[in-house]
């Protein structure tokens, strides 16, 4: 079970499964969160100029538009499902 703690808040993110993926160029990334692990109101999304490999996804229910992820160089983020290419071998 993977637990990640954001700053000093008590919010934790438990992994049900972890998959390797690549974020495509132009992907939108949510990276600012409040103390309840929700996207911060009024924060802007990042738009990636190039693909990012070795992205790990977790807590995927198979239905949500935004997925919790660990993005190299950015840390804990949310990314859109449509922007992920999931590796079949991880």
PDB file of N, CA and C in Angstrom:
ATOM      1  N   UNK A   1       0.845  -1.184   0.000  1.00  0.00           N
ATOM      2  CA  UNK A   1       0.000   0.000   0.000  1.00  0.00           C
ATOM      3  C   UNK A   1       0.880   1.233   0.000  1.00  0.00           C
ATOM      4  N   UNK A   2       0.618   2.123  -0.899  1.00  0.00           N
ATOM      5  CA  UNK A   2       1.396   3.350  -1.037  1.00  0.00           C
ATOM      6  C   UNK A   2       0.695   4.483  -0.311  1.00  0.00           C
ATOM      7  N   UNK A   3       1.392   5.131   0.605  1.00  0.00           N
ATOM      8  CA  UNK A   3       0.851   6.300   1.285  1.00  0.00           C
ATOM      9  C   UNK A   3       1.729   7.489   0.984  1.00  0.00           C
ATOM     10  N   UNK A   4       1.119   8.576   0.594  1.00  0.00           N
ATOM     11  CA  UNK A   4       1.837   9.812   0.319  1.00  0.00           C
ATOM     12  C   UNK A   4       1.204  10.893   1.165  1.00  0.00           C
ATOM     13  N   UNK A   5       2.019  11.671   1.861  1.00  0.00           N
ATOM     14  CA  UNK A   5       1.491  12.738   2.692  1.00  0.00           C
ATOM     15  C   UNK A   5       1.899  14.069   2.091  1.00  0.00           C
ATOM     16  N   UNK A   6       0.933  14.961   1.882  1.00  0.00           N
ATOM     17  CA  UNK A   6       1.191  16.274   1.296  1.00  0.00           C
ATOM     18  C   UNK A   6       1.533  17.246   2.400  1.00  0.00           C
ATOM     19  N   UNK A   7       2.744  17.820   2.335  1.00  0.00           N
ATOM     20  CA  UNK A   7       3.228  18.781   3.322  1.00  0.00           C
ATOM     21  C   UNK A   7       2.971  18.268   4.732  1.00  0.00           C
ATOM     22  N   UNK A   8       2.375  19.087   5.599  1.00  0.00           N
ATOM     23  CA  UNK A   8       2.110  18.653   6.968  1.00  0.00           C
ATOM     24  C   UNK A   8       0.645  18.325   7.177  1.00  0.00           C
ATOM     25  N   UNK A   9      -0.137  18.320   6.114  1.00  0.00           N
ATOM     26  CA  UNK A   9      -1.554  17.999   6.258  1.00  0.00           C
ATOM     27  C   UNK A   9      -1.707  16.517   6.587  1.00  0.00           C
ATOM     28  N   UNK A  10      -2.886  16.150   7.008  1.00  0.00           N
ATOM     29  CA  UNK A  10      -3.143  14.754   7.341  1.00  0.00           C
ATOM     30  C   UNK A  10      -3.724  13.989   6.160  1.00  0.00           C
ATOM     31  N   UNK A  11      -3.838  14.631   5.012  1.00  0.00           N
ATOM     32  CA  UNK A  11      -4.383  13.960   3.838  1.00  0.00           C
ATOM     33  C   UNK A  11      -3.411  12.884   3.364  1.00  0.00           C
ATOM     34  N   UNK A  12      -3.936  11.708   3.119  1.00  0.00           N
ATOM     35  CA  UNK A  12      -3.129  10.598   2.612  1.00  0.00           C
ATOM     36  C   UNK A  12      -3.821  10.008   1.402  1.00  0.00           C
ATOM     37  N   UNK A  13      -3.023   9.446   0.522  1.00  0.00           N
ATOM     38  CA  UNK A  13      -3.541   8.895  -0.710  1.00  0.00           C
ATOM     39  C   UNK A  13      -3.145   7.427  -0.764  1.00  0.00           C
ATOM     40  N   UNK A  14      -4.096   6.539  -0.637  1.00  0.00           N
ATOM     41  CA  UNK A  14      -3.805   5.107  -0.608  1.00  0.00           C
ATOM     42  C   UNK A  14      -3.933   4.524  -2.008  1.00  0.00           C
ATOM     43  N   UNK A  15      -2.964   3.734  -2.389  1.00  0.00           N
ATOM     44  CA  UNK A  15      -2.968   3.123  -3.715  1.00  0.00           C
ATOM     45  C   UNK A  15      -3.699   1.798  -3.692  1.00  0.00           C
ATOM     46  N   UNK A  16      -4.582   1.603  -4.647  1.00  0.00           N
ATOM     47  CA  UNK A  16      -5.192   0.296  -4.854  1.00  0.00           C
ATOM     48  C   UNK A  16      -4.350  -0.483  -5.853  1.00  0.00           C
ATOM     49  N   UNK A  17      -3.879   0.228  -6.847  1.00  0.00           N
ATOM     50  CA  UNK A  17      -2.969  -0.376  -7.817  1.00  0.00           C
ATOM     51  C   UNK A  17      -2.085   0.729  -8.370  1.00  0.00           C
ATOM     52  N   UNK A  18      -0.939   0.345  -8.857  1.00  0.00           N
ATOM     53  CA  UNK A  18      -0.018   1.316  -9.428  1.00  0.00           C
ATOM     54  C   UNK A  18       0.342   0.860 -10.826  1.00  0.00           C
ATOM     55  N   UNK A  19       0.225   1.752 -11.786  1.00  0.00           N
ATOM     56  CA  UNK A  19       0.529   1.422 -13.170  1.00  0.00           C
ATOM     57  C   UNK A  19       1.497   2.445 -13.719  1.00  0.00           C
ATOM     58  N   UNK A  20       2.404   1.990 -14.584  1.00  0.00           N
ATOM     59  CA  UNK A  20       3.300   2.911 -15.268  1.00  0.00           C
ATOM     60  C   UNK A  20       2.607   3.470 -16.495  1.00  0.00           C
ATOM     61  N   UNK A  21       2.853   4.741 -16.794  1.00  0.00           N
ATOM     62  CA  UNK A  21       2.201   5.366 -17.937  1.00  0.00           C
ATOM     63  C   UNK A  21       3.067   6.494 -18.476  1.00  0.00           C
ATOM     64  N   UNK A  22       2.700   6.964 -19.652  1.00  0.00           N
ATOM     65  CA  UNK A  22       3.322   8.134 -20.259  1.00  0.00           C
ATOM     66  C   UNK A  22       2.248   9.189 -20.454  1.00  0.00           C
ATOM     67  N   UNK A  23       2.554  10.422 -20.052  1.00  0.00           N
ATOM     68  CA  UNK A  23       1.665  11.551 -20.327  1.00  0.00           C
ATOM     69  C   UNK A  23       2.032  12.106 -21.692  1.00  0.00           C
ATOM     70  N   UNK A  24       1.045  12.342 -22.534  1.00  0.00           N
ATOM     71  CA  UNK A  24       1.298  12.856 -23.875  1.00  0.00           C
ATOM     72  C   UNK A  24       1.617  14.350 -23.833  1.00  0.00           C
ATOM     73  N   UNK A  25       2.286  14.837 -24.868  1.00  0.00           N
ATOM     74  CA  UNK A  25       2.529  16.277 -24.993  1.00  0.00           C
ATOM     75  C   UNK A  25       1.185  16.996 -25.047  1.00  0.00           C
ATOM     76  N   UNK A  26       1.095  18.127 -24.389  1.00  0.00           N
ATOM     77  CA  UNK A  26      -0.148  18.890 -24.334  1.00  0.00           C
ATOM     78  C   UNK A  26      -1.057  18.490 -23.188  1.00  0.00           C
ATOM     79  N   UNK A  27      -0.631  17.501 -22.387  1.00  0.00           N
ATOM     80  CA  UNK A  27      -1.440  17.043 -21.250  1.00  0.00           C
ATOM     81  C   UNK A  27      -1.618  18.165 -20.235  1.00  0.00           C
ATOM     82  N   UNK A  28      -2.791  18.200 -19.618  1.00  0.00           N
ATOM     83  CA  UNK A  28      -3.093  19.162 -18.563  1.00  0.00           C
ATOM     84  C   UNK A  28      -2.843  18.478 -17.224  1.00  0.00           C
ATOM     85  N   UNK A  29      -2.184  19.191 -16.309  1.00  0.00           N
ATOM     86  CA  UNK A  29      -1.789  18.622 -15.020  1.00  0.00           C
ATOM     87  C   UNK A  29      -2.239  19.541 -13.890  1.00  0.00           C
ATOM     88  N   UNK A  30      -3.014  18.986 -12.956  1.00  0.00           N
ATOM     89  CA  UNK A  30      -3.352  19.701 -11.721  1.00  0.00           C
ATOM     90  C   UNK A  30      -2.258  19.390 -10.714  1.00  0.00           C
ATOM     91  N   UNK A  31      -1.681  20.423 -10.099  1.00  0.00           N
ATOM     92  CA  UNK A  31      -0.539  20.195  -9.208  1.00  0.00           C
ATOM     93  C   UNK A  31      -0.641  20.915  -7.874  1.00  0.00           C
ATOM     94  N   UNK A  32      -1.639  21.779  -7.670  1.00  0.00           N
ATOM     95  CA  UNK A  32      -1.811  22.484  -6.400  1.00  0.00           C
ATOM     96  C   UNK A  32      -3.044  21.930  -5.687  1.00  0.00           C
ATOM     97  N   UNK A  33      -2.851  21.492  -4.423  1.00  0.00           N
ATOM     98  CA  UNK A  33      -3.932  20.875  -3.667  1.00  0.00           C
ATOM     99  C   UNK A  33      -4.085  21.540  -2.312  1.00  0.00           C
ATOM    100  N   UNK A  34      -5.303  21.469  -1.774  1.00  0.00           N
ATOM    101  CA  UNK A  34      -5.549  22.023  -0.446  1.00  0.00           C
ATOM    102  C   UNK A  34      -5.258  20.963   0.617  1.00  0.00           C
ATOM    103  N   UNK A  35      -5.527  21.274   1.870  1.00  0.00           N
ATOM    104  CA  UNK A  35      -5.259  20.364   2.976  1.00  0.00           C
ATOM    105  C   UNK A  35      -6.118  19.116   2.991  1.00  0.00           C
ATOM    106  N   UNK A  36      -7.131  19.066   2.110  1.00  0.00           N
ATOM    107  CA  UNK A  36      -8.004  17.895   2.015  1.00  0.00           C
ATOM    108  C   UNK A  36      -7.735  17.101   0.739  1.00  0.00           C
ATOM    109  N   UNK A  37      -6.580  17.371   0.120  1.00  0.00           N
ATOM    110  CA  UNK A  37      -6.147  16.663  -1.098  1.00  0.00           C
ATOM    111  C   UNK A  37      -7.060  16.921  -2.288  1.00  0.00           C
ATOM    112  N   UNK A  38      -7.725  18.064  -2.296  1.00  0.00           N
ATOM    113  CA  UNK A  38      -8.565  18.466  -3.416  1.00  0.00           C
ATOM    114  C   UNK A  38      -7.850  19.565  -4.196  1.00  0.00           C
ATOM    115  N   UNK A  39      -8.086  19.641  -5.511  1.00  0.00           N
ATOM    116  CA  UNK A  39      -7.452  20.714  -6.284  1.00  0.00           C
ATOM    117  C   UNK A  39      -7.786  22.075  -5.675  1.00  0.00           C
ATOM    118  N   UNK A  40      -6.797  22.916  -5.551  1.00  0.00           N
ATOM    119  CA  UNK A  40      -6.961  24.223  -4.937  1.00  0.00           C
ATOM    120  C   UNK A  40      -7.812  25.112  -5.844  1.00  0.00           C
ATOM    121  N   UNK A  41      -8.829  25.759  -5.270  1.00  0.00           N
ATOM    122  CA  UNK A  41      -9.692  26.654  -6.033  1.00  0.00           C
ATOM    123  C   UNK A  41      -8.870  27.773  -6.657  1.00  0.00           C
ATOM    124  N   UNK A  42      -9.103  28.046  -7.919  1.00  0.00           N
ATOM    125  CA  UNK A  42      -8.431  29.139  -8.605  1.00  0.00           C
ATOM    126  C   UNK A  42      -7.032  28.828  -9.110  1.00  0.00           C
ATOM    127  N   UNK A  43      -6.526  27.626  -8.842  1.00  0.00           N
ATOM    128  CA  UNK A  43      -5.178  27.302  -9.332  1.00  0.00           C
ATOM    129  C   UNK A  43      -5.237  26.969 -10.822  1.00  0.00           C
ATOM    130  N   UNK A  44      -4.157  27.252 -11.507  1.00  0.00           N
ATOM    131  CA  UNK A  44      -4.089  26.988 -12.940  1.00  0.00           C
ATOM    132  C   UNK A  44      -3.463  25.619 -13.182  1.00  0.00           C
ATOM    133  N   UNK A  45      -3.858  24.997 -14.276  1.00  0.00           N
ATOM    134  CA  UNK A  45      -3.254  23.719 -14.647  1.00  0.00           C
ATOM    135  C   UNK A  45      -1.975  23.978 -15.431  1.00  0.00           C
ATOM    136  N   UNK A  46      -1.060  23.024 -15.360  1.00  0.00           N
ATOM    137  CA  UNK A  46       0.133  23.052 -16.206  1.00  0.00           C
ATOM    138  C   UNK A  46      -0.207  22.355 -17.512  1.00  0.00           C
ATOM    139  N   UNK A  47       0.364  22.812 -18.594  1.00  0.00           N
ATOM    140  CA  UNK A  47       0.223  22.126 -19.872  1.00  0.00           C
ATOM    141  C   UNK A  47       1.622  21.712 -20.308  1.00  0.00           C
ATOM    142  N   UNK A  48       1.821  20.412 -20.452  1.00  0.00           N
ATOM    143  CA  UNK A  48       3.145  19.872 -20.757  1.00  0.00           C
ATOM    144  C   UNK A  48       3.518  20.075 -22.223  1.00  0.00           C
ATOM    145  N   UNK A  49       4.748  20.521 -22.453  1.00  0.00           N
ATOM    146  CA  UNK A  49       5.243  20.741 -23.815  1.00  0.00           C
ATOM    147  C   UNK A  49       5.668  19.448 -24.499  1.00  0.00           C
ATOM    148  N   UNK A  50       6.085  18.463 -23.714  1.00  0.00           N
ATOM    149  CA  UNK A  50       6.570  17.207 -24.282  1.00  0.00           C
ATOM    150  C   UNK A  50       6.077  16.046 -23.423  1.00  0.00           C
ATOM    151  N   UNK A  51       6.125  14.822 -23.954  1.00  0.00           N
ATOM    152  CA  UNK A  51       5.677  13.660 -23.185  1.00  0.00           C
ATOM    153  C   UNK A  51       6.518  13.465 -21.925  1.00  0.00           C
ATOM    154  N   UNK A  52       5.901  12.887 -20.895  1.00  0.00           N
ATOM    155  CA  UNK A  52       6.594  12.549 -19.649  1.00  0.00           C
ATOM    156  C   UNK A  52       6.383  11.062 -19.403  1.00  0.00           C
ATOM    157  N   UNK A  53       7.489  10.317 -19.275  1.00  0.00           N
ATOM    158  CA  UNK A  53       7.408   8.876 -19.027  1.00  0.00           C
ATOM    159  C   UNK A  53       7.497   8.585 -17.535  1.00  0.00           C
ATOM    160  N   UNK A  54       7.296   7.353 -17.187  1.00  0.00           N
ATOM    161  CA  UNK A  54       7.406   6.852 -15.810  1.00  0.00           C
ATOM    162  C   UNK A  54       6.396   7.479 -14.863  1.00  0.00           C
ATOM    163  N   UNK A  55       5.249   7.882 -15.384  1.00  0.00           N
ATOM    164  CA  UNK A  55       4.163   8.393 -14.547  1.00  0.00           C
ATOM    165  C   UNK A  55       3.510   7.200 -13.867  1.00  0.00           C
ATOM    166  N   UNK A  56       3.234   7.317 -12.580  1.00  0.00           N
ATOM    167  CA  UNK A  56       2.563   6.253 -11.830  1.00  0.00           C
ATOM    168  C   UNK A  56       1.164   6.730 -11.476  1.00  0.00           C
ATOM    169  N   UNK A  57       0.179   5.904 -11.741  1.00  0.00           N
ATOM    170  CA  UNK A  57      -1.200   6.235 -11.385  1.00  0.00           C
ATOM    171  C   UNK A  57      -1.631   5.371 -10.218  1.00  0.00           C
ATOM    172  N   UNK A  58      -2.563   5.875  -9.437  1.00  0.00           N
ATOM    173  CA  UNK A  58      -3.072   5.111  -8.301  1.00  0.00           C
ATOM    174  C   UNK A  58      -4.491   5.530  -7.979  1.00  0.00           C
ATOM    175  N   UNK A  59      -5.160   4.706  -7.185  1.00  0.00           N
ATOM    176  CA  UNK A  59      -6.554   4.933  -6.792  1.00  0.00           C
ATOM    177  C   UNK A  59      -7.449   5.120  -8.014  1.00  0.00           C
ATOM    178  N   UNK A  60      -7.236   4.313  -9.031  1.00  0.00           N
ATOM    179  CA  UNK A  60      -8.018   4.412 -10.264  1.00  0.00           C
ATOM    180  C   UNK A  60      -9.294   3.597 -10.144  1.00  0.00           C
ATOM    181  N   UNK A  61     -10.438   4.277 -10.241  1.00  0.00           N
ATOM    182  CA  UNK A  61     -11.721   3.579 -10.181  1.00  0.00           C
ATOM    183  C   UNK A  61     -12.219   3.197 -11.576  1.00  0.00           C
ATOM    184  N   UNK A  62     -11.466   3.568 -12.611  1.00  0.00           N
ATOM    185  CA  UNK A  62     -11.833   3.223 -13.976  1.00  0.00           C
ATOM    186  C   UNK A  62     -12.849   4.152 -14.612  1.00  0.00           C
ATOM    187  N   UNK A  63     -13.331   5.152 -13.877  1.00  0.00           N
ATOM    188  CA  UNK A  63     -14.389   6.012 -14.393  1.00  0.00           C
ATOM    189  C   UNK A  63     -14.084   7.506 -14.323  1.00  0.00           C
ATOM    190  N   UNK A  64     -13.272   7.925 -13.367  1.00  0.00           N
ATOM    191  CA  UNK A  64     -13.045   9.365 -13.179  1.00  0.00           C
ATOM    192  C   UNK A  64     -12.272   9.973 -14.344  1.00  0.00           C
ATOM    193  N   UNK A  65     -12.587  11.225 -14.666  1.00  0.00           N
ATOM    194  CA  UNK A  65     -11.889  11.960 -15.725  1.00  0.00           C
ATOM    195  C   UNK A  65     -10.468  12.314 -15.297  1.00  0.00           C
ATOM    196  N   UNK A  66     -10.290  12.764 -14.042  1.00  0.00           N
ATOM    197  CA  UNK A  66      -8.980  13.135 -13.497  1.00  0.00           C
ATOM    198  C   UNK A  66      -8.480  12.003 -12.613  1.00  0.00           C
ATOM    199  N   UNK A  67      -7.220  11.595 -12.803  1.00  0.00           N
ATOM    200  CA  UNK A  67      -6.638  10.489 -12.049  1.00  0.00           C
ATOM    201  C   UNK A  67      -5.505  10.985 -11.164  1.00  0.00           C
ATOM    202  N   UNK A  68      -5.406  10.422  -9.957  1.00  0.00           N
ATOM    203  CA  UNK A  68      -4.292  10.718  -9.062  1.00  0.00           C
ATOM    204  C   UNK A  68      -3.041  10.062  -9.631  1.00  0.00           C
ATOM    205  N   UNK A  69      -1.950  10.818  -9.667  1.00  0.00           N
ATOM    206  CA  UNK A  69      -0.718  10.333 -10.286  1.00  0.00           C
ATOM    207  C   UNK A  69       0.513  10.897  -9.600  1.00  0.00           C
ATOM    208  N   UNK A  70       1.625  10.196  -9.773  1.00  0.00           N
ATOM    209  CA  UNK A  70       2.940  10.723  -9.412  1.00  0.00           C
ATOM    210  C   UNK A  70       3.654  11.004 -10.724  1.00  0.00           C
ATOM    211  N   UNK A  71       3.985  12.271 -10.949  1.00  0.00           N
ATOM    212  CA  UNK A  71       4.600  12.690 -12.202  1.00  0.00           C
ATOM    213  C   UNK A  71       6.044  13.105 -11.920  1.00  0.00           C
ATOM    214  N   UNK A  72       7.024  12.430 -12.556  1.00  0.00           N
ATOM    215  CA  UNK A  72       8.426  12.785 -12.323  1.00  0.00           C
ATOM    216  C   UNK A  72       8.667  14.283 -12.538  1.00  0.00           C
ATOM    217  N   UNK A  73       9.319  14.903 -11.564  1.00  0.00           N
ATOM    218  CA  UNK A  73       9.613  16.324 -11.635  1.00  0.00           C
ATOM    219  C   UNK A  73       8.528  17.218 -11.070  1.00  0.00           C
ATOM    220  N   UNK A  74       7.320  16.660 -10.852  1.00  0.00           N
ATOM    221  CA  UNK A  74       6.196  17.446 -10.350  1.00  0.00           C
ATOM    222  C   UNK A  74       5.615  16.886  -9.055  1.00  0.00           C
ATOM    223  N   UNK A  75       5.824  15.609  -8.777  1.00  0.00           N
ATOM    224  CA  UNK A  75       5.277  14.998  -7.568  1.00  0.00           C
ATOM    225  C   UNK A  75       3.839  14.563  -7.755  1.00  0.00           C
ATOM    226  N   UNK A  76       3.067  14.658  -6.670  1.00  0.00           N
ATOM    227  CA  UNK A  76       1.678  14.221  -6.693  1.00  0.00           C
ATOM    228  C   UNK A  76       0.853  15.211  -7.499  1.00  0.00           C
ATOM    229  N   UNK A  77       0.131  14.682  -8.483  1.00  0.00           N
ATOM    230  CA  UNK A  77      -0.672  15.506  -9.387  1.00  0.00           C
ATOM    231  C   UNK A  77      -1.963  14.777  -9.726  1.00  0.00           C
ATOM    232  N   UNK A  78      -2.814  15.458 -10.472  1.00  0.00           N
ATOM    233  CA  UNK A  78      -3.948  14.820 -11.120  1.00  0.00           C
ATOM    234  C   UNK A  78      -3.803  15.069 -12.612  1.00  0.00           C
ATOM    235  N   UNK A  79      -4.051  14.028 -13.394  1.00  0.00           N
ATOM    236  CA  UNK A  79      -3.960  14.127 -14.847  1.00  0.00           C
ATOM    237  C   UNK A  79      -5.232  13.557 -15.454  1.00  0.00           C
ATOM    238  N   UNK A  80      -5.545  13.991 -16.667  1.00  0.00           N
ATOM    239  CA  UNK A  80      -6.740  13.490 -17.330  1.00  0.00           C
ATOM    240  C   UNK A  80      -6.469  12.114 -17.927  1.00  0.00           C
ATOM    241  N   UNK A  81      -7.420  11.234 -17.742  1.00  0.00           N
ATOM    242  CA  UNK A  81      -7.307   9.855 -18.229  1.00  0.00           C
ATOM    243  C   UNK A  81      -6.963   9.818 -19.721  1.00  0.00           C
ATOM    244  N   UNK A  82      -7.565  10.699 -20.502  1.00  0.00           N
ATOM    245  CA  UNK A  82      -7.359  10.695 -21.957  1.00  0.00           C
ATOM    246  C   UNK A  82      -5.925  11.034 -22.354  1.00  0.00           C
ATOM    247  N   UNK A  83      -5.168  11.657 -21.439  1.00  0.00           N
ATOM    248  CA  UNK A  83      -3.790  12.060 -21.727  1.00  0.00           C
ATOM    249  C   UNK A  83      -2.760  11.005 -21.341  1.00  0.00           C
ATOM    250  N   UNK A  84      -3.203   9.856 -20.837  1.00  0.00           N
ATOM    251  CA  UNK A  84      -2.297   8.795 -20.389  1.00  0.00           C
ATOM    252  C   UNK A  84      -2.230   7.650 -21.388  1.00  0.00           C
ATOM    253  N   UNK A  85      -1.028   7.175 -21.632  1.00  0.00           N
ATOM    254  CA  UNK A  85      -0.820   5.933 -22.376  1.00  0.00           C
ATOM    255  C   UNK A  85      -0.253   4.955 -21.352  1.00  0.00           C
ATOM    256  N   UNK A  86      -1.064   3.999 -20.916  1.00  0.00           N
ATOM    257  CA  UNK A  86      -0.672   3.076 -19.852  1.00  0.00           C
ATOM    258  C   UNK A  86       0.145   1.930 -20.419  1.00  0.00           C
ATOM    259  N   UNK A  87       1.274   1.635 -19.762  1.00  0.00           N
ATOM    260  CA  UNK A  87       2.135   0.517 -20.154  1.00  0.00           C
ATOM    261  C   UNK A  87       1.432  -0.790 -19.855  1.00  0.00           C
ATOM    262  N   UNK A  88       1.551  -1.740 -20.756  1.00  0.00           N
ATOM    263  CA  UNK A  88       0.926  -3.043 -20.570  1.00  0.00           C
ATOM    264  C   UNK A  88       1.758  -3.976 -19.706  1.00  0.00           C
ATOM    265  N   UNK A  89       3.063  -3.690 -19.539  1.00  0.00           N
ATOM    266  CA  UNK A  89       3.961  -4.611 -18.844  1.00  0.00           C
ATOM    267  C   UNK A  89       4.220  -4.252 -17.393  1.00  0.00           C
ATOM    268  N   UNK A  90       3.514  -3.278 -16.794  1.00  0.00           N
ATOM    269  CA  UNK A  90       3.756  -2.916 -15.396  1.00  0.00           C
ATOM    270  C   UNK A  90       2.570  -3.237 -14.546  1.00  0.00           C
TER     271      UNK A  90
END
